[in-house]
Amino acid sequence: MVEVLEGPLPMAVVDMAGEQRTCSAMYVPEVQVGQYVLVQRVQLAPREPR
């Protein structure tokens, strides 16, 4: 995981093979930056580079 996003729902930015995607962290709100996560069915558009 690369980043935790602030908001009403726990969201995170994850790096998958060099591509950063935003996904829900609803079931693992204790996850921290640098930890590995399993992601299923990522259907969101790629995140814009900063």
Protein backbone atom coordinates (compact mmCIF):
# COMPACT_ATOMS: atom_id res chain seq x y z
CA MET A 1 0.00 0.00 0.00
CA VAL A 2 1.29 3.42 -0.95
CA GLU A 3 -1.11 5.87 0.71
CA VAL A 4 -4.16 6.05 3.01
CA LEU A 5 -6.83 8.48 1.82
CA GLU A 6 -8.87 10.60 4.23
CA GLY A 7 -12.64 10.49 4.03
CA PRO A 8 -15.80 8.92 5.41
CA LEU A 9 -14.83 5.45 4.09
CA PRO A 10 -11.38 3.88 4.52
CA MET A 11 -9.67 4.06 1.12
CA ALA A 12 -6.12 3.33 0.05
CA VAL A 13 -3.83 3.74 -2.94
CA VAL A 14 -2.08 0.51 -3.89
CA ASP A 15 0.71 -0.15 -6.38
CA MET A 16 -0.01 -3.12 -8.66
CA ALA A 17 2.84 -3.88 -11.06
CA GLY A 18 3.82 -0.20 -11.20
CA GLU A 19 0.27 1.07 -11.68
CA GLN A 20 -1.33 2.92 -8.77
CA ARG A 21 -5.02 2.28 -8.10
CA THR A 22 -7.48 3.47 -5.48
CA CYS A 23 -9.33 0.75 -3.59
CA SER A 24 -11.47 0.29 -0.51
CA ALA A 25 -9.87 -0.64 2.81
CA MET A 26 -13.26 -1.22 4.45
CA TYR A 27 -12.42 -4.68 5.78
CA VAL A 28 -8.86 -3.81 6.87
CA PRO A 29 -9.03 -0.28 8.35
CA GLU A 30 -5.88 -1.01 10.40
CA VAL A 31 -3.69 -1.43 7.29
CA GLN A 32 -0.65 0.86 7.13
CA VAL A 33 1.52 2.29 4.35
CA GLY A 34 4.16 -0.22 3.29
CA GLN A 35 2.09 -3.32 4.08
CA TYR A 36 0.97 -5.81 1.45
CA VAL A 37 -2.76 -6.16 0.74
CA LEU A 38 -4.83 -8.51 -1.40
CA VAL A 39 -7.13 -6.72 -3.84
CA GLN A 40 -10.05 -8.31 -5.67
CA ARG A 41 -11.84 -6.84 -8.67
CA VAL A 42 -10.25 -3.43 -8.97
CA GLN A 43 -12.47 -1.62 -11.46
CA LEU A 44 -11.60 2.02 -10.80
CA ALA A 45 -9.69 4.14 -13.30
CA PRO A 46 -5.94 4.50 -12.76
CA ARG A 47 -4.92 7.29 -10.41
CA GLU A 48 -3.49 10.44 -12.01
CA PRO A 49 0.24 10.95 -11.26
CA ARG A 50 1.10 13.77 -8.88
